[in-house]
Amino acid sequence: MIPVPRQEDVLNGPHRMEKDLLGPLAVPADVYYGVQTQRALENFKLSGVPLAHFPKLIIGLAMVKKAAAAANHDIGQLDDKKFEAICYACDRLINREYHDQFVVDMIQGGAGTSTNMNANEVIANLALEYLGHKKGEYKHLHPNNDVNMSQSTNDVYPTAIRVGLQLSHSELVDSLAMLQAAFAGKRDEFKNIIKMGRTQLQDAVPMTLGQEFGAYATTLGEDIERIGGMYELLLEVNLGGTAIGTGINSDPRYAVLAVDHLARIAGYPIRLAADLIEATSDMGAFVLFSGMTKRLAIKLSKICNDLRLLSSGPRTGLFEINLPPQQPGSSIMPGKVNPVIPEAVNQVAYQVVGNDMAITMAAENGQLQLNVMEPLIAYKILESMRLLQRAMDMLRERCVIGITANEDRCRELVDNSIGLITALNPYIGYENATRIAALALSSGRGVLELVREEGLLEESLLTEILKPENMVNPRQRSI
């Protein structure tokens, strides 16, 4: 939980007095935030996760504030001196400085107003120092009048979230691409290892271990492109709509100028929404993007379930692969090593699924011209992205690249499997195949042993059929 000193404790130490709508309040003398941030600190002791936990969100806020200042300067509403000071402050934040001053809890009432004011106050006080003034001397440069000029939380906050997600895009995609490449490497490494495929946890037909790992690479590769497509939805912003999308208190030229500046500062083709009233209340892009993170989480969890099954044993399970051991697995059972990395990824996946549900409900619960649940949406989307990135890096580095195959065990399971009869079915007929399978199952004898005993196939043809390359790929059969 974020440590929040009581007001009496603040008063007993070095402090400055600031005033807002509700009256005066003491703020620690050395902090760059101000009175409204202090109130939010005292009000919202919820998740214990401050804004500083997500640097890209803070950078997004700073970029939006810098773009707004540039537009106001272009129009002539912000003088050169204040513009220079605000840009200086924003650049410090963009360079990841002073992020520890963003102390408000991610979950908060007020549709993100506390987040916006935390940014306004930090930027204002950094700018004041740049101009040679003390923190809190807002008569020289004001958090609302100057830093928040032509803005509202209702257009700044969702725009900053979108910018933060854009800035996080490459990290998530890079982690996904590297994990996909690791599975592709195992596909090539295991391409000649024959094993049994399984459906409904029962023996199915032969395949190669390389084909199994190749499927993992393919399914993750699909999401690299699809996640990129989702980011296109996040390029549309409502900056300039101010309170509800009508643009009240902003110059008619402001919105286009601010968005153009933001696109230049952020380095993305950010564009102004066609309907700012709709864009101010609609959370549809976040719902779709969250759904994409859930899809990826489900895929990762399925893959990790498979890895746990394939490595189960070592004496009483499938034991077709070995996962690299990472830590002792039991405080009571000597020699036990558990699949801790896939297990951890499973739990991340469950958290992402839960986050998606929270985002869905928050998006649904908007009323009229605003969705006040945006803080929860921002928190959970950013959390899901970070968890997925870390989980994929962990899975790749501490598990996938170190996986080895138990080739003899894989071949043993193929040779002893009833499912092997499927490969012989086109040659001996369905009735014979069914009879041999039932006999093998009841007697405990091998399928090949019974086929040979009954002379159902010549040995040369049987050998040809059972070649690995013939069992795992389509094959034209001569009549």
Protein backbone atom coordinates (compact mmCIF):
# COMPACT_ATOMS: atom_id res chain seq x y z
CA MET A 1 0.00 0.00 0.00
CA ILE A 2 1.18 3.52 -0.80
CA PRO A 3 2.36 5.16 2.48
CA VAL A 4 0.12 8.17 3.04
CA PRO A 5 1.07 10.46 5.93
CA ARG A 6 -1.83 11.82 7.94
CA GLN A 7 -2.55 15.53 7.60
CA GLU A 8 -1.30 16.13 11.16
CA ASP A 9 1.96 14.39 10.26
CA VAL A 10 2.36 16.60 7.20
CA LEU A 11 1.74 19.68 9.34
CA ASN A 12 4.39 18.57 11.84
CA GLY A 13 7.05 18.39 9.15
CA PRO A 14 8.28 20.81 6.46
CA HIS A 15 5.24 21.70 4.38
CA ARG A 16 3.55 24.30 2.25
CA MET A 17 -0.12 25.27 2.31
CA GLU A 18 -2.15 25.05 -0.88
CA LYS A 19 -5.82 25.77 -1.44
CA ASP A 20 -8.53 24.35 -3.69
CA LEU A 21 -12.34 24.32 -3.84
CA LEU A 22 -12.58 22.59 -0.46
CA GLY A 23 -10.16 24.92 1.31
CA PRO A 24 -6.52 24.88 2.44
CA LEU A 25 -4.48 21.69 2.87
CA ALA A 26 -0.90 20.98 3.87
CA VAL A 27 1.38 19.40 1.27
CA PRO A 28 4.91 18.14 2.05
CA ALA A 29 7.36 20.90 1.15
CA ASP A 30 9.62 18.82 -1.07
CA VAL A 31 7.03 17.15 -3.33
CA TYR A 32 6.14 18.36 -6.81
CA TYR A 33 2.47 17.41 -6.61
CA GLY A 34 -0.07 19.73 -5.01
CA VAL A 35 -3.29 20.00 -3.07
CA GLN A 36 -5.59 17.95 -5.33
CA THR A 37 -3.09 15.11 -5.50
CA GLN A 38 -2.78 15.24 -1.71
CA ARG A 39 -6.55 14.91 -1.36
CA ALA A 40 -6.59 11.95 -3.75
CA LEU A 41 -3.81 10.29 -1.75
CA GLU A 42 -5.92 10.53 1.37
CA ASN A 43 -9.16 9.48 -0.34
CA PHE A 44 -8.13 6.53 -2.48
CA LYS A 45 -6.24 3.92 -0.47
CA LEU A 46 -7.35 1.02 -2.65
CA SER A 47 -5.06 -1.01 -4.90
CA GLY A 48 -1.79 0.26 -3.48
CA VAL A 49 -0.62 0.62 -7.09
CA PRO A 50 0.34 4.24 -7.89
CA LEU A 51 0.45 5.82 -11.33
CA ALA A 52 4.25 5.56 -11.13
CA HIS A 53 3.83 1.79 -11.53
CA PHE A 54 3.13 2.38 -15.24
CA PRO A 55 5.79 4.70 -16.71
CA LYS A 56 4.28 4.65 -20.20
CA LEU A 57 1.05 6.15 -18.87
CA ILE A 58 3.00 9.01 -17.29
CA ILE A 59 4.93 9.55 -20.51
CA GLY A 60 1.61 9.56 -22.38
CA LEU A 61 0.25 12.22 -20.01
CA ALA A 62 3.37 14.34 -20.49
CA MET A 63 3.14 14.05 -24.27
CA VAL A 64 -0.50 15.11 -24.23
CA LYS A 65 0.28 18.10 -22.00
CA LYS A 66 3.17 19.13 -24.23
CA ALA A 67 1.00 18.86 -27.34
CA ALA A 68 -1.75 20.91 -25.69
CA ALA A 69 0.74 23.60 -24.68
CA ALA A 70 2.09 23.73 -28.23
CA ALA A 71 -1.41 24.17 -29.67
CA ASN A 72 -2.25 26.90 -27.16
CA HIS A 73 1.05 28.61 -27.98
CA ASP A 74 0.30 28.45 -31.72
CA ILE A 75 -3.05 30.10 -31.13
CA GLY A 76 -1.45 32.80 -28.99
CA GLN A 77 -3.12 31.87 -25.70
CA LEU A 78 0.08 30.70 -23.97
CA ASP A 79 3.05 33.06 -23.90
CA ASP A 80 6.57 32.07 -24.88
CA LYS A 81 7.92 31.91 -21.34
CA LYS A 82 5.20 29.66 -19.96
CA PHE A 83 5.27 27.49 -23.07
CA GLU A 84 9.01 26.96 -22.73
CA ALA A 85 8.67 26.10 -19.04
CA ILE A 86 5.83 23.61 -19.59
CA CYS A 87 7.75 21.93 -22.42
CA TYR A 88 10.80 21.66 -20.16
CA ALA A 89 8.72 19.99 -17.45
CA CYS A 90 7.04 17.61 -19.88
CA ASP A 91 10.36 16.63 -21.41
CA ARG A 92 11.71 15.71 -17.98
CA LEU A 93 8.75 13.38 -17.50
CA ILE A 94 9.10 11.93 -21.00
CA ASN A 95 12.73 11.17 -20.08
CA ARG A 96 11.42 9.15 -17.11
CA GLU A 97 12.39 11.69 -14.47
CA TYR A 98 10.19 12.57 -11.48
CA HIS A 99 7.88 9.61 -12.00
CA ASP A 100 7.97 9.00 -8.25
CA GLN A 101 5.81 12.12 -7.92
CA PHE A 102 2.88 10.32 -9.55
CA VAL A 103 1.46 8.89 -6.38
CA VAL A 104 -2.30 8.67 -6.93
CA ASP A 105 -3.82 5.19 -6.75
CA MET A 106 -4.68 3.69 -10.14
CA ILE A 107 -8.23 3.04 -8.92
CA GLN A 108 -9.95 6.32 -8.14
CA GLY A 109 -13.25 8.08 -8.38
CA GLY A 110 -13.74 11.12 -10.58
CA ALA A 111 -13.13 9.55 -14.01
CA GLY A 112 -9.40 10.15 -13.76
CA THR A 113 -9.48 13.74 -12.51
CA SER A 114 -6.96 12.91 -9.77
CA THR A 115 -4.60 11.48 -12.39
CA ASN A 116 -4.94 14.57 -14.58
CA MET A 117 -4.39 16.91 -11.64
CA ASN A 118 -1.40 14.90 -10.44
CA ALA A 119 0.13 15.54 -13.87
CA ASN A 120 -0.94 19.19 -13.94
CA GLU A 121 0.55 19.89 -10.52
CA VAL A 122 3.86 18.10 -11.11
CA ILE A 123 4.31 19.82 -14.47
CA ALA A 124 3.39 23.20 -12.98
CA ASN A 125 5.85 22.90 -10.11
CA LEU A 126 8.67 21.68 -12.34
CA ALA A 127 7.94 24.59 -14.65
CA LEU A 128 7.89 27.03 -11.74
CA GLU A 129 11.35 25.92 -10.64
CA TYR A 130 12.56 26.29 -14.23
CA LEU A 131 11.28 29.86 -14.15
CA GLY A 132 13.03 30.55 -10.84
CA HIS A 133 10.00 30.34 -8.56
CA LYS A 134 9.15 28.12 -5.60
CA LYS A 135 6.80 25.16 -5.67
CA GLY A 136 3.23 26.26 -5.15
CA GLU A 137 3.68 29.83 -6.41
CA TYR A 138 0.92 29.29 -8.92
CA LYS A 139 0.35 32.98 -9.63
CA HIS A 140 3.32 32.66 -12.00
CA LEU A 141 2.15 29.46 -13.72
CA HIS A 142 -1.02 27.63 -12.74
CA PRO A 143 -1.84 23.88 -12.92
CA ASN A 144 -5.36 24.55 -14.22
CA ASN A 145 -5.14 27.87 -16.00
CA ASP A 146 -1.92 27.13 -17.87
CA VAL A 147 -1.00 23.42 -17.84
CA ASN A 148 -4.63 22.32 -18.27
CA MET A 149 -5.56 25.12 -20.69
CA SER A 150 -8.16 24.06 -23.32
CA GLN A 151 -8.37 20.63 -21.71
CA SER A 152 -10.53 18.44 -19.54
CA THR A 153 -9.73 15.20 -17.77
CA ASN A 154 -12.34 13.69 -20.09
CA ASP A 155 -10.22 14.19 -23.19
CA VAL A 156 -6.71 14.22 -21.68
CA TYR A 157 -7.00 10.98 -19.72
CA PRO A 158 -8.34 8.64 -22.44
CA THR A 159 -5.91 10.16 -24.92
CA ALA A 160 -2.99 9.56 -22.56
CA ILE A 161 -4.09 5.95 -22.03
CA ARG A 162 -4.07 5.41 -25.79
CA VAL A 163 -0.64 6.98 -26.14
CA GLY A 164 0.66 4.84 -23.26
CA LEU A 165 -0.63 1.71 -24.97
CA GLN A 166 0.99 2.75 -28.24
CA LEU A 167 4.30 3.22 -26.44
CA SER A 168 3.97 -0.24 -24.89
CA HIS A 169 3.12 -1.90 -28.19
CA SER A 170 6.61 -2.73 -29.37
CA GLU A 171 7.60 -4.31 -26.06
CA LEU A 172 4.64 -6.67 -26.02
CA VAL A 173 4.99 -7.60 -29.69
CA ASP A 174 8.75 -8.07 -29.35
CA SER A 175 8.29 -10.47 -26.44
CA LEU A 176 5.63 -12.36 -28.36
CA ALA A 177 7.81 -12.56 -31.48
CA MET A 178 10.80 -13.87 -29.50
CA LEU A 179 8.65 -16.53 -27.82
CA GLN A 180 7.23 -17.53 -31.19
CA ALA A 181 10.75 -17.83 -32.57
CA ALA A 182 11.78 -20.03 -29.63
CA PHE A 183 8.96 -22.46 -30.37
CA ALA A 184 9.87 -22.37 -34.07
CA GLY A 185 13.42 -23.32 -33.11
CA LYS A 186 12.11 -26.36 -31.22
CA ARG A 187 9.98 -27.24 -34.24
CA ASP A 188 13.15 -27.56 -36.30
CA GLU A 189 15.10 -29.29 -33.54
CA PHE A 190 12.44 -31.95 -32.98
CA LYS A 191 11.33 -32.42 -36.60
CA ASN A 192 12.46 -36.06 -36.82
CA ILE A 193 11.19 -37.28 -33.45
CA ILE A 194 8.11 -39.48 -33.91
CA LYS A 195 5.51 -39.51 -31.12
CA MET A 196 1.83 -40.13 -30.54
CA GLY A 197 -0.66 -37.36 -31.01
CA ARG A 198 -3.59 -37.33 -28.60
CA THR A 199 -7.17 -36.17 -28.70
CA GLN A 200 -9.39 -36.05 -25.60
CA LEU A 201 -6.32 -37.28 -23.67
CA GLN A 202 -6.51 -40.56 -25.59
CA ASP A 203 -4.06 -41.96 -28.14
CA ALA A 204 -4.82 -40.63 -31.61
CA VAL A 205 -2.34 -40.96 -34.49
CA PRO A 206 1.40 -40.47 -34.86
CA MET A 207 2.98 -37.08 -35.41
CA THR A 208 6.38 -35.55 -34.80
CA LEU A 209 7.34 -33.58 -31.74
CA GLY A 210 8.43 -30.90 -34.19
CA GLN A 211 4.91 -30.68 -35.60
CA GLU A 212 3.55 -30.26 -32.08
CA PHE A 213 5.92 -27.41 -31.26
CA GLY A 214 5.43 -25.93 -34.72
CA ALA A 215 1.72 -25.58 -33.98
CA TYR A 216 2.59 -23.54 -30.90
CA ALA A 217 4.78 -21.28 -33.03
CA THR A 218 2.02 -20.84 -35.60
CA THR A 219 -0.72 -19.97 -33.13
CA LEU A 220 1.46 -17.36 -31.42
CA GLY A 221 2.56 -15.98 -34.78
CA GLU A 222 -1.06 -15.28 -35.66
CA ASP A 223 -1.37 -12.95 -32.70
CA ILE A 224 1.65 -10.84 -33.66
CA GLU A 225 -0.30 -9.54 -36.63
CA ARG A 226 -3.62 -9.31 -34.85
CA ILE A 227 -2.25 -7.34 -31.90
CA GLY A 228 -0.73 -4.93 -34.39
CA GLY A 229 -4.15 -4.51 -35.95
CA MET A 230 -5.68 -3.71 -32.58
CA TYR A 231 -3.35 -0.74 -32.18
CA GLU A 232 -4.95 0.88 -35.19
CA LEU A 233 -8.09 1.30 -33.07
CA LEU A 234 -6.13 3.20 -30.44
CA LEU A 235 -4.88 5.88 -32.82
CA GLU A 236 -8.19 7.76 -32.74
CA VAL A 237 -8.39 10.26 -29.85
CA ASN A 238 -10.85 12.81 -28.51
CA LEU A 239 -8.28 15.46 -27.54
CA GLY A 240 -9.94 18.84 -27.94
CA GLY A 241 -13.39 17.59 -27.01
CA THR A 242 -12.87 18.88 -23.44
CA ALA A 243 -15.68 18.01 -21.01
CA ILE A 244 -18.19 16.06 -23.13
CA GLY A 245 -16.93 16.41 -26.69
CA THR A 246 -18.38 19.81 -27.58
CA GLY A 247 -14.99 21.52 -27.21
CA ILE A 248 -16.20 24.11 -24.70
CA ASN A 249 -13.43 26.46 -23.43
CA SER A 250 -11.16 25.65 -26.37
CA ASP A 251 -10.39 27.63 -29.53
CA PRO A 252 -11.93 26.23 -32.76
CA ARG A 253 -8.41 25.69 -34.09
CA TYR A 254 -7.16 23.92 -31.00
CA ALA A 255 -8.23 20.29 -31.48
CA VAL A 256 -6.60 19.79 -34.88
CA LEU A 257 -3.43 21.57 -33.78
CA ALA A 258 -3.17 19.61 -30.52
CA VAL A 259 -3.62 16.23 -32.21
CA ASP A 260 -1.10 17.13 -34.93
CA HIS A 261 1.44 18.07 -32.27
CA LEU A 262 0.70 14.88 -30.32
CA ALA A 263 1.27 12.72 -33.40
CA ARG A 264 4.63 14.41 -33.94
CA ILE A 265 5.69 14.14 -30.28
CA ALA A 266 4.59 10.51 -29.83
CA GLY A 267 5.74 9.34 -33.24
CA TYR A 268 2.45 7.65 -34.15
CA PRO A 269 -0.19 8.66 -36.76
CA ILE A 270 -2.65 9.72 -34.08
CA ARG A 271 -5.82 11.23 -35.52
CA LEU A 272 -8.79 13.24 -34.25
CA ALA A 273 -12.05 11.31 -33.85
CA ALA A 274 -14.81 12.32 -36.25
CA ASP A 275 -17.41 12.54 -33.48
CA LEU A 276 -15.85 13.85 -30.27
CA ILE A 277 -19.01 13.36 -28.22
CA GLU A 278 -19.14 9.68 -29.15
CA ALA A 279 -15.40 9.28 -28.65
CA THR A 280 -15.56 10.79 -25.15
CA SER A 281 -17.99 8.18 -23.82
CA ASP A 282 -17.18 5.10 -25.92
CA MET A 283 -14.77 2.50 -24.54
CA GLY A 284 -15.16 0.06 -27.42
CA ALA A 285 -11.52 0.20 -28.53
CA PHE A 286 -10.37 -0.74 -25.02
CA VAL A 287 -12.83 -3.65 -24.90
CA LEU A 288 -11.54 -5.01 -28.21
CA PHE A 289 -7.92 -4.58 -27.21
CA SER A 290 -8.51 -6.25 -23.86
CA GLY A 291 -10.20 -9.12 -25.68
CA MET A 292 -7.03 -9.53 -27.72
CA THR A 293 -4.91 -9.75 -24.59
CA LYS A 294 -7.31 -12.37 -23.25
CA ARG A 295 -7.02 -14.37 -26.47
CA LEU A 296 -3.23 -14.35 -26.18
CA ALA A 297 -3.43 -15.32 -22.49
CA ILE A 298 -5.69 -18.27 -23.30
CA LYS A 299 -3.27 -19.49 -25.98
CA LEU A 300 -0.32 -19.23 -23.61
CA SER A 301 -2.20 -21.08 -20.89
CA LYS A 302 -3.17 -23.89 -23.28
CA ILE A 303 0.44 -24.26 -24.41
CA CYS A 304 1.65 -24.35 -20.80
CA ASN A 305 -0.94 -26.99 -19.93
CA ASP A 306 0.49 -29.09 -22.77
CA LEU A 307 4.07 -28.58 -21.59
CA ARG A 308 3.11 -29.73 -18.11
CA LEU A 309 1.41 -32.85 -19.48
CA LEU A 310 4.18 -33.72 -21.94
CA SER A 311 6.81 -33.43 -19.20
CA SER A 312 4.77 -35.26 -16.54
CA GLY A 313 6.48 -38.10 -14.71
CA PRO A 314 9.32 -38.83 -14.77
CA ARG A 315 8.33 -42.46 -14.10
CA THR A 316 4.52 -42.44 -14.14
CA GLY A 317 3.61 -39.78 -16.69
CA LEU A 318 4.07 -39.06 -20.39
CA PHE A 319 7.67 -37.87 -19.96
CA GLU A 320 8.11 -37.11 -23.68
CA ILE A 321 9.98 -33.88 -22.97
CA ASN A 322 12.14 -32.45 -20.20
CA LEU A 323 11.58 -28.93 -18.91
CA PRO A 324 14.71 -27.25 -17.56
CA PRO A 325 14.66 -27.58 -13.75
CA GLN A 326 14.41 -24.21 -12.02
CA GLN A 327 13.97 -25.01 -8.31
CA PRO A 328 13.30 -27.88 -5.90
CA GLY A 329 9.64 -28.83 -6.07
CA SER A 330 8.77 -29.93 -2.59
CA SER A 331 9.56 -29.31 1.05
CA ILE A 332 8.78 -32.95 1.86
CA MET A 333 9.42 -35.05 -1.28
CA PRO A 334 13.14 -35.32 -2.10
CA GLY A 335 14.04 -35.20 -5.78
CA LYS A 336 10.76 -33.68 -6.93
CA VAL A 337 11.03 -30.88 -9.51
CA ASN A 338 7.86 -29.11 -10.60
CA PRO A 339 6.99 -27.27 -13.85
CA VAL A 340 6.98 -23.95 -12.02
CA ILE A 341 7.41 -21.71 -15.07
CA PRO A 342 4.37 -23.00 -17.00
CA GLU A 343 2.41 -22.96 -13.73
CA ALA A 344 3.22 -19.29 -13.23
CA VAL A 345 2.19 -18.47 -16.82
CA ASN A 346 -1.13 -20.23 -16.22
CA GLN A 347 -1.77 -17.95 -13.26
CA VAL A 348 -0.88 -14.85 -15.28
CA ALA A 349 -3.39 -15.99 -17.89
CA TYR A 350 -6.13 -16.30 -15.28
CA GLN A 351 -5.36 -12.78 -14.05
CA VAL A 352 -5.59 -11.40 -17.60
CA VAL A 353 -8.94 -13.14 -18.09
CA GLY A 354 -10.15 -11.55 -14.86
CA ASN A 355 -8.86 -8.17 -15.98
CA ASP A 356 -10.79 -8.51 -19.21
CA MET A 357 -14.00 -9.14 -17.29
CA ALA A 358 -13.36 -6.05 -15.13
CA ILE A 359 -12.73 -3.97 -18.27
CA THR A 360 -15.89 -5.31 -19.88
CA MET A 361 -18.05 -4.37 -16.90
CA ALA A 362 -16.39 -0.97 -16.55
CA ALA A 363 -16.95 -0.19 -20.23
CA GLU A 364 -20.60 -1.23 -19.98
CA ASN A 365 -21.17 0.98 -16.95
CA GLY A 366 -20.67 4.34 -18.62
CA GLN A 367 -23.61 6.70 -18.48
CA LEU A 368 -24.59 9.37 -20.99
CA GLN A 369 -21.62 11.50 -22.10
CA LEU A 370 -18.84 9.98 -19.98
CA ASN A 371 -17.57 6.69 -18.63
CA VAL A 372 -16.32 7.36 -15.10
CA MET A 373 -14.83 3.87 -14.84
CA GLU A 374 -11.86 4.72 -17.08
CA PRO A 375 -9.33 4.47 -14.20
CA LEU A 376 -10.13 0.78 -13.79
CA ILE A 377 -9.98 0.26 -17.57
CA ALA A 378 -6.56 1.94 -17.73
CA TYR A 379 -5.25 0.00 -14.73
CA LYS A 380 -6.33 -3.40 -15.96
CA ILE A 381 -5.27 -2.98 -19.59
CA LEU A 382 -1.82 -1.77 -18.60
CA GLU A 383 -1.52 -4.53 -16.01
CA SER A 384 -2.50 -7.21 -18.54
CA MET A 385 0.07 -5.97 -21.04
CA ARG A 386 2.86 -5.92 -18.51
CA LEU A 387 1.99 -9.32 -17.07
CA LEU A 388 1.85 -10.88 -20.53
CA GLN A 389 5.15 -9.37 -21.57
CA ARG A 390 6.91 -10.58 -18.42
CA ALA A 391 5.28 -14.00 -18.60
CA MET A 392 6.33 -14.52 -22.21
CA ASP A 393 9.90 -13.46 -21.49
CA MET A 394 10.04 -15.80 -18.49
CA LEU A 395 8.54 -18.71 -20.45
CA ARG A 396 11.03 -18.26 -23.27
CA GLU A 397 14.15 -17.68 -21.18
CA ARG A 398 13.53 -20.13 -18.34
CA CYS A 399 11.61 -22.88 -20.07
CA VAL A 400 11.18 -23.13 -23.85
CA ILE A 401 14.77 -22.64 -24.97
CA GLY A 402 15.92 -25.33 -22.54
CA ILE A 403 13.36 -28.01 -23.42
CA THR A 404 14.83 -31.33 -24.52
CA ALA A 405 13.15 -34.40 -25.99
CA ASN A 406 13.07 -37.96 -24.67
CA GLU A 407 13.23 -39.54 -28.12
CA ASP A 408 13.29 -43.18 -27.00
CA ARG A 409 10.28 -42.62 -24.76
CA CYS A 410 8.37 -40.97 -27.60
CA ARG A 411 9.10 -43.95 -29.92
CA GLU A 412 8.21 -46.47 -27.22
CA LEU A 413 4.78 -44.89 -26.77
CA VAL A 414 4.18 -44.94 -30.53
CA ASP A 415 5.12 -48.61 -30.86
CA ASN A 416 2.92 -49.62 -27.93
CA SER A 417 -0.04 -47.47 -28.84
CA ILE A 418 -3.38 -48.85 -30.01
CA GLY A 419 -3.65 -45.65 -32.04
CA LEU A 420 -1.02 -47.00 -34.41
CA ILE A 421 -3.74 -49.12 -36.01
CA THR A 422 -5.12 -45.99 -37.68
CA ALA A 423 -2.06 -45.88 -39.94
CA LEU A 424 -2.80 -49.46 -41.01
CA ASN A 425 -6.53 -49.00 -41.48
CA PRO A 426 -6.38 -48.12 -45.23
CA TYR A 427 -4.44 -51.33 -45.89
CA ILE A 428 -6.17 -53.95 -43.74
CA GLY A 429 -9.70 -52.49 -43.70
CA TYR A 430 -11.78 -50.98 -40.93
CA GLU A 431 -13.18 -54.28 -39.64
CA ASN A 432 -9.75 -55.89 -39.32
CA ALA A 433 -8.36 -52.72 -37.79
CA THR A 434 -11.16 -52.61 -35.21
CA ARG A 435 -10.71 -56.26 -34.34
CA ILE A 436 -6.93 -55.96 -33.98
CA ALA A 437 -7.33 -52.85 -31.80
CA ALA A 438 -9.80 -54.59 -29.50
CA LEU A 439 -7.59 -57.66 -29.25
CA ALA A 440 -4.50 -55.59 -28.50
CA LEU A 441 -6.39 -53.70 -25.82
CA SER A 442 -7.74 -56.82 -24.12
CA SER A 443 -4.57 -58.91 -24.38
CA GLY A 444 -1.99 -56.22 -23.71
CA ARG A 445 -0.13 -57.25 -26.87
CA GLY A 446 1.14 -54.80 -29.49
CA VAL A 447 -0.75 -53.91 -32.66
CA LEU A 448 2.23 -54.67 -34.88
CA GLU A 449 2.77 -58.01 -33.19
CA LEU A 450 -0.81 -59.07 -33.94
CA VAL A 451 -0.76 -57.81 -37.53
CA ARG A 452 2.39 -59.79 -38.17
CA GLU A 453 1.03 -62.87 -36.44
CA GLU A 454 -2.06 -62.91 -38.64
CA GLY A 455 -0.08 -62.13 -41.80
CA LEU A 456 -2.36 -59.23 -42.70
CA LEU A 457 0.45 -57.27 -44.39
CA GLU A 458 3.72 -58.14 -46.02
CA GLU A 459 6.70 -57.05 -43.92
CA SER A 460 8.06 -54.80 -46.66
CA LEU A 461 4.77 -52.89 -46.92
CA LEU A 462 4.45 -52.71 -43.14
CA THR A 463 7.95 -51.28 -42.91
CA GLU A 464 7.10 -48.69 -45.57
CA ILE A 465 3.87 -47.68 -43.82
CA LEU A 466 5.62 -47.29 -40.48
CA LYS A 467 8.32 -44.96 -41.71
CA PRO A 468 7.96 -41.74 -39.70
CA GLU A 469 7.65 -39.55 -42.78
CA ASN A 470 4.78 -41.73 -44.05
CA MET A 471 2.85 -41.70 -40.79
CA VAL A 472 2.86 -37.96 -40.19
CA ASN A 473 2.07 -36.55 -43.65
CA PRO A 474 -0.54 -37.12 -46.37
CA ARG A 475 0.53 -40.02 -48.62
CA GLN A 476 -0.81 -41.27 -51.88
CA ARG A 477 -1.67 -45.00 -51.63
CA SER A 478 -1.32 -47.24 -54.65
CA ILE A 479 -4.24 -49.61 -55.39
